[in-house]
mmCIF file of all heavy atoms, coordinates in Angstrom:
data_MODEL
# 
_entry.id   MODEL 
# 
loop_
_atom_site.group_PDB 
_atom_site.id 
_atom_site.type_symbol 
_atom_site.label_atom_id 
_atom_site.label_alt_id 
_atom_site.label_comp_id 
_atom_site.label_asym_id 
_atom_site.label_entity_id 
_atom_site.label_seq_id 
_atom_site.pdbx_PDB_ins_code 
_atom_site.Cartn_x 
_atom_site.Cartn_y 
_atom_site.Cartn_z 
_atom_site.occupancy 
_atom_site.B_iso_or_equiv 
_atom_site.pdbx_formal_charge 
_atom_site.auth_seq_id 
_atom_site.auth_comp_id 
_atom_site.auth_asym_id 
_atom_site.auth_atom_id 
_atom_site.pdbx_PDB_model_num 
ATOM 1   N N   . VAL A 1 1  ? 1.007  -23.590 19.532 1.00 0.00 ? 1  VAL A N   1 
ATOM 2   C CA  . VAL A 1 1  ? 1.654  -23.238 20.788 1.00 0.00 ? 1  VAL A CA  1 
ATOM 3   C C   . VAL A 1 1  ? 1.570  -21.740 20.985 1.00 0.00 ? 1  VAL A C   1 
ATOM 4   O O   . VAL A 1 1  ? 2.135  -20.974 20.203 1.00 0.00 ? 1  VAL A O   1 
ATOM 5   C CB  . VAL A 1 1  ? 3.123  -23.695 20.820 1.00 0.00 ? 1  VAL A CB  1 
ATOM 6   C CG1 . VAL A 1 1  ? 3.759  -23.307 22.148 1.00 0.00 ? 1  VAL A CG1 1 
ATOM 7   C CG2 . VAL A 1 1  ? 3.225  -25.194 20.605 1.00 0.00 ? 1  VAL A CG2 1 
ATOM 8   N N   . GLU A 1 2  ? 0.878  -21.327 22.049 1.00 0.00 ? 2  GLU A N   1 
ATOM 9   C CA  . GLU A 1 2  ? 0.735  -19.908 22.368 1.00 0.00 ? 2  GLU A CA  1 
ATOM 10  C C   . GLU A 1 2  ? 1.872  -19.440 23.261 1.00 0.00 ? 2  GLU A C   1 
ATOM 11  O O   . GLU A 1 2  ? 2.435  -20.219 24.035 1.00 0.00 ? 2  GLU A O   1 
ATOM 12  C CB  . GLU A 1 2  ? -0.593 -19.639 23.092 1.00 0.00 ? 2  GLU A CB  1 
ATOM 13  C CG  . GLU A 1 2  ? -1.833 -20.088 22.350 1.00 0.00 ? 2  GLU A CG  1 
ATOM 14  C CD  . GLU A 1 2  ? -2.330 -21.439 22.811 1.00 0.00 ? 2  GLU A CD  1 
ATOM 15  O OE1 . GLU A 1 2  ? -1.502 -22.250 23.305 1.00 0.00 ? 2  GLU A OE1 1 
ATOM 16  O OE2 . GLU A 1 2  ? -3.540 -21.694 22.697 1.00 0.00 ? 2  GLU A OE2 1 
ATOM 17  N N   . SER A 1 3  ? 2.158  -18.156 23.182 1.00 0.00 ? 3  SER A N   1 
ATOM 18  C CA  . SER A 1 3  ? 3.127  -17.531 24.068 1.00 0.00 ? 3  SER A CA  1 
ATOM 19  C C   . SER A 1 3  ? 2.794  -16.055 24.198 1.00 0.00 ? 3  SER A C   1 
ATOM 20  O O   . SER A 1 3  ? 2.019  -15.515 23.420 1.00 0.00 ? 3  SER A O   1 
ATOM 21  C CB  . SER A 1 3  ? 4.558  -17.714 23.551 1.00 0.00 ? 3  SER A CB  1 
ATOM 22  O OG  . SER A 1 3  ? 4.731  -17.092 22.288 1.00 0.00 ? 3  SER A OG  1 
ATOM 23  N N   . GLY A 1 4  ? 3.393  -15.402 25.185 1.00 0.00 ? 4  GLY A N   1 
ATOM 24  C CA  . GLY A 1 4  ? 3.233  -13.970 25.353 1.00 0.00 ? 4  GLY A CA  1 
ATOM 25  C C   . GLY A 1 4  ? 2.320  -13.539 26.471 1.00 0.00 ? 4  GLY A C   1 
ATOM 26  O O   . GLY A 1 4  ? 2.202  -12.339 26.744 1.00 0.00 ? 4  GLY A O   1 
ATOM 27  N N   . GLY A 1 5  ? 1.663  -14.477 27.133 1.00 0.00 ? 5  GLY A N   1 
ATOM 28  C CA  . GLY A 1 5  ? 0.802  -14.121 28.240 1.00 0.00 ? 5  GLY A CA  1 
ATOM 29  C C   . GLY A 1 5  ? 1.607  -13.682 29.448 1.00 0.00 ? 5  GLY A C   1 
ATOM 30  O O   . GLY A 1 5  ? 2.821  -13.831 29.506 1.00 0.00 ? 5  GLY A O   1 
ATOM 31  N N   . GLY A 1 6  ? 0.901  -13.119 30.427 1.00 0.00 ? 6  GLY A N   1 
ATOM 32  C CA  . GLY A 1 6  ? 1.560  -12.664 31.633 1.00 0.00 ? 6  GLY A CA  1 
ATOM 33  C C   . GLY A 1 6  ? 0.678  -11.755 32.445 1.00 0.00 ? 6  GLY A C   1 
ATOM 34  O O   . GLY A 1 6  ? -0.531 -11.685 32.239 1.00 0.00 ? 6  GLY A O   1 
ATOM 35  N N   . LEU A 1 7  ? 1.298  -11.060 33.378 1.00 0.00 ? 7  LEU A N   1 
ATOM 36  C CA  . LEU A 1 7  ? 0.614  -10.131 34.274 1.00 0.00 ? 7  LEU A CA  1 
ATOM 37  C C   . LEU A 1 7  ? 0.889  -8.706  33.827 1.00 0.00 ? 7  LEU A C   1 
ATOM 38  O O   . LEU A 1 7  ? 2.047  -8.331  33.607 1.00 0.00 ? 7  LEU A O   1 
ATOM 39  C CB  . LEU A 1 7  ? 1.095  -10.340 35.707 1.00 0.00 ? 7  LEU A CB  1 
ATOM 40  C CG  . LEU A 1 7  ? 0.569  -9.384  36.766 1.00 0.00 ? 7  LEU A CG  1 
ATOM 41  C CD1 . LEU A 1 7  ? -0.940 -9.536  36.928 1.00 0.00 ? 7  LEU A CD1 1 
ATOM 42  C CD2 . LEU A 1 7  ? 1.284  -9.635  38.087 1.00 0.00 ? 7  LEU A CD2 1 
ATOM 43  N N   . VAL A 1 8  ? -0.162 -7.917  33.714 1.00 0.00 ? 8  VAL A N   1 
ATOM 44  C CA  . VAL A 1 8  ? -0.021 -6.537  33.266 1.00 0.00 ? 8  VAL A CA  1 
ATOM 45  C C   . VAL A 1 8  ? -1.034 -5.665  34.008 1.00 0.00 ? 8  VAL A C   1 
ATOM 46  O O   . VAL A 1 8  ? -2.102 -6.137  34.398 1.00 0.00 ? 8  VAL A O   1 
ATOM 47  C CB  . VAL A 1 8  ? -0.218 -6.434  31.733 1.00 0.00 ? 8  VAL A CB  1 
ATOM 48  C CG1 . VAL A 1 8  ? -1.646 -6.805  31.340 1.00 0.00 ? 8  VAL A CG1 1 
ATOM 49  C CG2 . VAL A 1 8  ? 0.144  -5.052  31.220 1.00 0.00 ? 8  VAL A CG2 1 
ATOM 50  N N   . GLN A 1 9  ? -0.696 -4.413  34.202 1.00 0.00 ? 9  GLN A N   1 
ATOM 51  C CA  . GLN A 1 9  ? -1.616 -3.474  34.835 1.00 0.00 ? 9  GLN A CA  1 
ATOM 52  C C   . GLN A 1 9  ? -2.691 -3.020  33.860 1.00 0.00 ? 9  GLN A C   1 
ATOM 53  O O   . GLN A 1 9  ? -2.485 -3.007  32.641 1.00 0.00 ? 9  GLN A O   1 
ATOM 54  C CB  . GLN A 1 9  ? -0.867 -2.243  35.346 1.00 0.00 ? 9  GLN A CB  1 
ATOM 55  C CG  . GLN A 1 9  ? 0.033  -2.503  36.536 1.00 0.00 ? 9  GLN A CG  1 
ATOM 56  C CD  . GLN A 1 9  ? 0.671  -1.236  37.048 1.00 0.00 ? 9  GLN A CD  1 
ATOM 57  O OE1 . GLN A 1 9  ? 1.137  -0.401  36.273 1.00 0.00 ? 9  GLN A OE1 1 
ATOM 58  N NE2 . GLN A 1 9  ? 0.704  -1.083  38.361 1.00 0.00 ? 9  GLN A NE2 1 
ATOM 59  N N   . ALA A 1 10 ? -3.844 -2.653  34.395 1.00 0.00 ? 10 ALA A N   1 
ATOM 60  C CA  . ALA A 1 10 ? -4.908 -2.116  33.564 1.00 0.00 ? 10 ALA A CA  1 
ATOM 61  C C   . ALA A 1 10 ? -4.393 -0.940  32.745 1.00 0.00 ? 10 ALA A C   1 
ATOM 62  O O   . ALA A 1 10 ? -3.662 -0.091  33.244 1.00 0.00 ? 10 ALA A O   1 
ATOM 63  C CB  . ALA A 1 10 ? -6.086 -1.689  34.424 1.00 0.00 ? 10 ALA A CB  1 
ATOM 64  N N   . GLY A 1 11 ? -4.782 -0.923  31.479 1.00 0.00 ? 11 GLY A N   1 
ATOM 65  C CA  . GLY A 1 11 ? -4.309 0.100   30.565 1.00 0.00 ? 11 GLY A CA  1 
ATOM 66  C C   . GLY A 1 11 ? -3.067 -0.282  29.792 1.00 0.00 ? 11 GLY A C   1 
ATOM 67  O O   . GLY A 1 11 ? -2.708 0.399   28.820 1.00 0.00 ? 11 GLY A O   1 
ATOM 68  N N   . GLY A 1 12 ? -2.436 -1.360  30.182 1.00 0.00 ? 12 GLY A N   1 
ATOM 69  C CA  . GLY A 1 12 ? -1.231 -1.814  29.519 1.00 0.00 ? 12 GLY A CA  1 
ATOM 70  C C   . GLY A 1 12 ? -1.517 -2.665  28.298 1.00 0.00 ? 12 GLY A C   1 
ATOM 71  O O   . GLY A 1 12 ? -2.660 -2.837  27.883 1.00 0.00 ? 12 GLY A O   1 
ATOM 72  N N   . SER A 1 13 ? -0.451 -3.216  27.734 1.00 0.00 ? 13 SER A N   1 
ATOM 73  C CA  . SER A 1 13 ? -0.546 -3.988  26.502 1.00 0.00 ? 13 SER A CA  1 
ATOM 74  C C   . SER A 1 13 ? 0.207  -5.301  26.610 1.00 0.00 ? 13 SER A C   1 
ATOM 75  O O   . SER A 1 13 ? 1.182  -5.420  27.346 1.00 0.00 ? 13 SER A O   1 
ATOM 76  C CB  . SER A 1 13 ? 0.030  -3.193  25.317 1.00 0.00 ? 13 SER A CB  1 
ATOM 77  O OG  . SER A 1 13 ? -0.685 -1.995  25.095 1.00 0.00 ? 13 SER A OG  1 
ATOM 78  N N   . LEU A 1 14 ? -0.258 -6.275  25.852 1.00 0.00 ? 14 LEU A N   1 
ATOM 79  C CA  . LEU A 1 14 ? 0.428  -7.544  25.676 1.00 0.00 ? 14 LEU A CA  1 
ATOM 80  C C   . LEU A 1 14 ? 0.273  -7.975  24.227 1.00 0.00 ? 14 LEU A C   1 
ATOM 81  O O   . LEU A 1 14 ? -0.713 -7.635  23.577 1.00 0.00 ? 14 LEU A O   1 
ATOM 82  C CB  . LEU A 1 14 ? -0.140 -8.632  26.582 1.00 0.00 ? 14 LEU A CB  1 
ATOM 83  C CG  . LEU A 1 14 ? 0.217  -8.610  28.060 1.00 0.00 ? 14 LEU A CG  1 
ATOM 84  C CD1 . LEU A 1 14 ? -0.586 -9.681  28.791 1.00 0.00 ? 14 LEU A CD1 1 
ATOM 85  C CD2 . LEU A 1 14 ? 1.706  -8.826  28.265 1.00 0.00 ? 14 LEU A CD2 1 
ATOM 86  N N   . ARG A 1 15 ? 1.229  -8.736  23.749 1.00 0.00 ? 15 ARG A N   1 
ATOM 87  C CA  . ARG A 1 15 ? 1.170  -9.299  22.410 1.00 0.00 ? 15 ARG A CA  1 
ATOM 88  C C   . ARG A 1 15 ? 1.301  -10.812 22.501 1.00 0.00 ? 15 ARG A C   1 
ATOM 89  O O   . ARG A 1 15 ? 2.347  -11.327 22.900 1.00 0.00 ? 15 ARG A O   1 
ATOM 90  C CB  . ARG A 1 15 ? 2.279  -8.721  21.531 1.00 0.00 ? 15 ARG A CB  1 
ATOM 91  C CG  . ARG A 1 15 ? 2.323  -9.233  20.088 1.00 0.00 ? 15 ARG A CG  1 
ATOM 92  C CD  . ARG A 1 15 ? 3.384  -8.470  19.321 1.00 0.00 ? 15 ARG A CD  1 
ATOM 93  N NE  . ARG A 1 15 ? 3.576  -8.916  17.954 1.00 0.00 ? 15 ARG A NE  1 
ATOM 94  C CZ  . ARG A 1 15 ? 4.506  -9.783  17.579 1.00 0.00 ? 15 ARG A CZ  1 
ATOM 95  N NH1 . ARG A 1 15 ? 5.328  -10.315 18.469 1.00 0.00 ? 15 ARG A NH1 1 
ATOM 96  N NH2 . ARG A 1 15 ? 4.612  -10.112 16.297 1.00 0.00 ? 15 ARG A NH2 1 
ATOM 97  N N   . LEU A 1 16 ? 0.250  -11.512 22.128 1.00 0.00 ? 16 LEU A N   1 
ATOM 98  C CA  . LEU A 1 16 ? 0.261  -12.961 22.125 1.00 0.00 ? 16 LEU A CA  1 
ATOM 99  C C   . LEU A 1 16 ? 0.686  -13.475 20.761 1.00 0.00 ? 16 LEU A C   1 
ATOM 100 O O   . LEU A 1 16 ? 0.364  -12.882 19.733 1.00 0.00 ? 16 LEU A O   1 
ATOM 101 C CB  . LEU A 1 16 ? -1.123 -13.518 22.466 1.00 0.00 ? 16 LEU A CB  1 
ATOM 102 C CG  . LEU A 1 16 ? -1.773 -13.037 23.763 1.00 0.00 ? 16 LEU A CG  1 
ATOM 103 C CD1 . LEU A 1 16 ? -3.094 -13.770 23.972 1.00 0.00 ? 16 LEU A CD1 1 
ATOM 104 C CD2 . LEU A 1 16 ? -0.842 -13.235 24.947 1.00 0.00 ? 16 LEU A CD2 1 
ATOM 105 N N   . SER A 1 17 ? 1.388  -14.591 20.765 1.00 0.00 ? 17 SER A N   1 
ATOM 106 C CA  . SER A 1 17 ? 1.795  -15.250 19.535 1.00 0.00 ? 17 SER A CA  1 
ATOM 107 C C   . SER A 1 17 ? 1.329  -16.690 19.558 1.00 0.00 ? 17 SER A C   1 
ATOM 108 O O   . SER A 1 17 ? 1.217  -17.299 20.618 1.00 0.00 ? 17 SER A O   1 
ATOM 109 C CB  . SER A 1 17 ? 3.316  -15.211 19.368 1.00 0.00 ? 17 SER A CB  1 
ATOM 110 O OG  . SER A 1 17 ? 3.793  -13.890 19.275 1.00 0.00 ? 17 SER A OG  1 
ATOM 111 N N   . CYS A 1 18 ? 1.068  -17.231 18.392 1.00 0.00 ? 18 CYS A N   1 
ATOM 112 C CA  . CYS A 1 18 ? 0.688  -18.630 18.249 1.00 0.00 ? 18 CYS A CA  1 
ATOM 113 C C   . CYS A 1 18 ? 1.452  -19.202 17.070 1.00 0.00 ? 18 CYS A C   1 
ATOM 114 O O   . CYS A 1 18 ? 1.236  -18.778 15.924 1.00 0.00 ? 18 CYS A O   1 
ATOM 115 C CB  . CYS A 1 18 ? -0.820 -18.760 18.044 1.00 0.00 ? 18 CYS A CB  1 
ATOM 116 S SG  . CYS A 1 18 ? -1.377 -20.432 17.659 1.00 0.00 ? 18 CYS A SG  1 
ATOM 117 N N   . ALA A 1 19 ? 2.330  -20.139 17.351 1.00 0.00 ? 19 ALA A N   1 
ATOM 118 C CA  . ALA A 1 19 ? 3.125  -20.790 16.320 1.00 0.00 ? 19 ALA A CA  1 
ATOM 119 C C   . ALA A 1 19 ? 2.462  -22.095 15.916 1.00 0.00 ? 19 ALA A C   1 
ATOM 120 O O   . ALA A 1 19 ? 2.108  -22.914 16.766 1.00 0.00 ? 19 ALA A O   1 
ATOM 121 C CB  . ALA A 1 19 ? 4.534  -21.042 16.829 1.00 0.00 ? 19 ALA A CB  1 
ATOM 122 N N   . ALA A 1 20 ? 2.304  -22.298 14.617 1.00 0.00 ? 20 ALA A N   1 
ATOM 123 C CA  . ALA A 1 20 ? 1.611  -23.466 14.090 1.00 0.00 ? 20 ALA A CA  1 
ATOM 124 C C   . ALA A 1 20 ? 2.555  -24.353 13.296 1.00 0.00 ? 20 ALA A C   1 
ATOM 125 O O   . ALA A 1 20 ? 3.412  -23.865 12.560 1.00 0.00 ? 20 ALA A O   1 
ATOM 126 C CB  . ALA A 1 20 ? 0.444  -23.038 13.206 1.00 0.00 ? 20 ALA A CB  1 
ATOM 127 N N   . THR A 1 21 ? 2.371  -25.649 13.443 1.00 0.00 ? 21 THR A N   1 
ATOM 128 C CA  . THR A 1 21 ? 3.096  -26.637 12.655 1.00 0.00 ? 21 THR A CA  1 
ATOM 129 C C   . THR A 1 21 ? 2.134  -27.735 12.236 1.00 0.00 ? 21 THR A C   1 
ATOM 130 O O   . THR A 1 21 ? 1.067  -27.900 12.821 1.00 0.00 ? 21 THR A O   1 
ATOM 131 C CB  . THR A 1 21 ? 4.259  -27.258 13.438 1.00 0.00 ? 21 THR A CB  1 
ATOM 132 O OG1 . THR A 1 21 ? 3.759  -27.913 14.614 1.00 0.00 ? 21 THR A OG1 1 
ATOM 133 C CG2 . THR A 1 21 ? 5.272  -26.196 13.852 1.00 0.00 ? 21 THR A CG2 1 
ATOM 134 N N   . GLY A 1 22 ? 2.522  -28.494 11.210 1.00 0.00 ? 22 GLY A N   1 
ATOM 135 C CA  . GLY A 1 22 ? 1.772  -29.680 10.854 1.00 0.00 ? 22 GLY A CA  1 
ATOM 136 C C   . GLY A 1 22 ? 0.919  -29.600 9.605  1.00 0.00 ? 22 GLY A C   1 
ATOM 137 O O   . GLY A 1 22 ? 0.457  -30.636 9.122  1.00 0.00 ? 22 GLY A O   1 
ATOM 138 N N   . ARG A 1 23 ? 0.688  -28.404 9.082  1.00 0.00 ? 23 ARG A N   1 
ATOM 139 C CA  . ARG A 1 23 ? -0.068 -28.258 7.853  1.00 0.00 ? 23 ARG A CA  1 
ATOM 140 C C   . ARG A 1 23 ? 0.304  -26.953 7.176  1.00 0.00 ? 23 ARG A C   1 
ATOM 141 O O   . ARG A 1 23 ? 1.057  -26.161 7.734  1.00 0.00 ? 23 ARG A O   1 
ATOM 142 C CB  . ARG A 1 23 ? -1.573 -28.347 8.107  1.00 0.00 ? 23 ARG A CB  1 
ATOM 143 C CG  . ARG A 1 23 ? -2.145 -27.190 8.908  1.00 0.00 ? 23 ARG A CG  1 
ATOM 144 C CD  . ARG A 1 23 ? -3.652 -27.337 9.057  1.00 0.00 ? 23 ARG A CD  1 
ATOM 145 N NE  . ARG A 1 23 ? -4.241 -26.240 9.799  1.00 0.00 ? 23 ARG A NE  1 
ATOM 146 C CZ  . ARG A 1 23 ? -5.539 -26.070 10.003 1.00 0.00 ? 23 ARG A CZ  1 
ATOM 147 N NH1 . ARG A 1 23 ? -6.406 -26.962 9.509  1.00 0.00 ? 23 ARG A NH1 1 
ATOM 148 N NH2 . ARG A 1 23 ? -5.983 -25.036 10.696 1.00 0.00 ? 23 ARG A NH2 1 
ATOM 149 N N   . THR A 1 24 ? -0.238 -26.743 5.998  1.00 0.00 ? 24 THR A N   1 
ATOM 150 C CA  . THR A 1 24 ? 0.033  -25.512 5.260  1.00 0.00 ? 24 THR A CA  1 
ATOM 151 C C   . THR A 1 24 ? -0.729 -24.374 5.926  1.00 0.00 ? 24 THR A C   1 
ATOM 152 O O   . THR A 1 24 ? -1.927 -24.189 5.707  1.00 0.00 ? 24 THR A O   1 
ATOM 153 C CB  . THR A 1 24 ? -0.364 -25.660 3.795  1.00 0.00 ? 24 THR A CB  1 
ATOM 154 O OG1 . THR A 1 24 ? 0.321  -26.782 3.222  1.00 0.00 ? 24 THR A OG1 1 
ATOM 155 C CG2 . THR A 1 24 ? 0.024  -24.406 3.016  1.00 0.00 ? 24 THR A CG2 1 
ATOM 156 N N   . PHE A 1 25 ? -0.022 -23.601 6.721  1.00 0.00 ? 25 PHE A N   1 
ATOM 157 C CA  . PHE A 1 25 ? -0.631 -22.576 7.573  1.00 0.00 ? 25 PHE A CA  1 
ATOM 158 C C   . PHE A 1 25 ? -1.452 -21.581 6.769  1.00 0.00 ? 25 PHE A C   1 
ATOM 159 O O   . PHE A 1 25 ? -2.556 -21.202 7.181  1.00 0.00 ? 25 PHE A O   1 
ATOM 160 C CB  . PHE A 1 25 ? 0.474  -21.866 8.353  1.00 0.00 ? 25 PHE A CB  1 
ATOM 161 C CG  . PHE A 1 25 ? -0.007 -20.777 9.252  1.00 0.00 ? 25 PHE A CG  1 
ATOM 162 C CD1 . PHE A 1 25 ? -0.596 -21.072 10.469 1.00 0.00 ? 25 PHE A CD1 1 
ATOM 163 C CD2 . PHE A 1 25 ? 0.132  -19.448 8.895  1.00 0.00 ? 25 PHE A CD2 1 
ATOM 164 C CE1 . PHE A 1 25 ? -1.032 -20.065 11.311 1.00 0.00 ? 25 PHE A CE1 1 
ATOM 165 C CE2 . PHE A 1 25 ? -0.296 -18.430 9.727  1.00 0.00 ? 25 PHE A CE2 1 
ATOM 166 C CZ  . PHE A 1 25 ? -0.883 -18.746 10.941 1.00 0.00 ? 25 PHE A CZ  1 
# 
């Protein structure tokens, strides 16, 4: 499951996360 996306101006920053379940990560 990803999260952290969105709208940002050029030159800006975003941090995406991906949470995993179901196996030994």
